[in-house]
Every structure is written in structure tokens, then in C-alpha cells.
Amino acid sequence: MGFVPSPDGSSSLSAPAPAAAAGSSSGPSSPAAGPKAVDKETTAGVLFGIAAYGLWGLLPLYFFVLMPAGAVEIVANRVVWSLLFCALLITVTRAWSALAQALRNRAVFGSLALAALLIAVNWLTYTYGVTTGQAVEASLGYFINPLVSVLLGVFVLKEKLRPLQWAAVGIGFVAVGVLTYSYGKLPWIALTLAFSFGLYGFVKKRVGPRVDAVTSLSVETMVLAPFAAATMIFLAATGTDTLTTQGPGHFWLLVASGVITAVPLLFFGASARRLPMTTIGLLQYCAPVLQFIIALVVFREAMTVDRWIGFGVVWLALAVLTVDMLGTARRNSVARRAKRGT
């Protein structure tokens, strides 16, 4: 896969580590200092990555405490307060010029507008799943997302799959069949999450490094904000909102959705700058694992034997995909070292 999108939409982009730049100007002691600096950067990257995916994994608990707010109200508030928080971040970092440049670039803005629609579908579906007692199926969506990314590589980017990737995709199709039998219907929540998120990551990859994470989130929330604000006004006018009717604690929890959306995204950006794609690809499993555990332990959702079998087949597909990813990364690393040695 050429990208690893986060659950909130950012695509990881490799960037030179600060240690590498520092090492080029050091004196004779640089051989000793270099590895230590790299180790510190790697450790920081792993910690940032765990923090990002850990926070995304804990999102079901946040949605749970927001009840009786429904999925539509939660997402509408998330969009509006995220936009305000992003405006604050852009002001503090003096990045208004970068935002203006992204808005003027028709190709960038068009891609981010499409990405906004896809992430809106993703957020609504995920929040609906959690708030209606279907958090297990919601976690499944993020488990099968890497398989969807592989399929997009084949059908959209015309990539050729390696044998293990084909095996993983085939096992994934078997898993969907088993889970369809288990649920008595297609697991549409999981499939909608996987495909909306996979397409979102693909669109963000096309934008590439032309916009940073905060600018990207700002543009996306700007596109969605009019619809979100109209939704909040409609809910208030019809007396079905909870923002101002459930006490100050509930009010501030909904307002905090802006921070809760942006902070893990910033952590993810810090991690992606420090870690190779392979490591980011492994860390991404932290989020659905946590979501799955919360669904079972906290929400007490039922898992029948045939559903365990279905999830087991999914995890087998992911194990095959991970083996392929690690093997490819190792071969690429050996090839790079051999090239530098010639």
C-alpha cells in the first residue's frame, strides 16, 4: 500500500527525520550521535502513533457518554467545533497563508471537498454503529480496511498484487461470507466504513504533501460546516437537540469534540514524520483492537460462535497481509543497502 490513512483521515507521508539533517553537519562524533538521535526519533514516533491510534480506539467511550445525542447531532457538532479549533490552531501557528493557498488551488480544494464527503459518510456510519449497539461491527470495518486499500490499488491504480496479497484478499472475501451468514445480512456498517475510509485515503493520497494535516482538516470541515450548522439549527428548532438541554457537562463534552478530533490527528502527523510506512501500518491495528475490546467488555455486545469464526478469518487475512508487508519492507531495505554499497 502506498498510504496508511488514519481513522480521522490523514494520510501518512514520509519526511526526512530531523536527526538526518542534524547528522549531516556534525563533526567526527556524528557516527555515535547519529544512531542515538535516530533512536530517539523512532521512540517518539512510536509513542505519538500509539497515542493517536489509542485515542481513536477510545472514541466509542466518548460517543457513549454523549448519549442521548444521536449520530447526526454528534457528527454535526464534531464538524462545527473542529472548524473552530482548527481556526485557533491556524492562528497560533500563523498558517493562514497555507490555508488560503489550498483554497485557491482548484485541484487541491476539489480533492479535499470530495474527501470531506467521504469522511462525513465514515463519521456518520461509525457514530451510528456505536450509538446503536453495533460497535463490534464498526470495529470490523477498520479491520478490513487494509484489504479494501489493496483492492483499490488493483482496480484504481492498476497495481499488480503479490501472491500473499491475493491470498489475503481471498481470505477476506471468505470472511465477509461467513459474517454475512452470521448476521443474516451483509455487514453493511463494516463495509461502508471500510470502503468510505479506503476511498478517503486514496483521495488524500492524490493531494499528497501539498497540504499539511491541520490545513487539510480545516478545508474539509469548512466544506461540511454549512450542512453541519444547518443540522444543528434544525435540531434546535424542532426541540430534538441535546446540546443545550442536558446540562453544562453534556454541552462542554460536545464542544470538546473539536479538540478530540484534532489532537489525535496532530499526534498521527508527528508519528508519520518519524516512522517508516511499515511501522505505521502495524500501529493502525491498535484502533480497531481497542474498539473491539470496548464493544465486548464495556458495551457487553454479543459475539456468537459463527461471528468469532468470521472475525478469526478476518484476522487471518490481516496476518497474511502483514507478513507480506514485513517481507516486502525487509527486501526493500536490503536492496537499498546494497545499492548504497555499490
Foldseek 3Di string as FASTA:
>chain_A
DPWDAALLFATFDEDDDPLVVVLVPDDPCSVVVSVVSLVVLQVLLVVLLLVLLVLLLCVLVLLVVLPPDALLLLLLLLLQLLLVVLVVVCVVVVPVVLLVVQVVPPLNLVLLQLLLVLSSLLSSLQRNCSNVLNLQLLLLLLLCLVLLLVVCCCPPVVDDDDPLNVVLNVLLVVLQVLVCVVVVHGSVSSPSNSNSNSVSNVSNVVSPPSHDQSSSSNSSSVSCNVVSVVVVVVCVVVVNDDLPPPDPVSVVSSSCSSVSSVVSSVSNNSSSHSDDPLVSVVSSSSNSVSSNCCSCPVVVRDQDPSNVVSVVSSVVSVVSVNVVSVVVVVVVVVVVVVVVVD
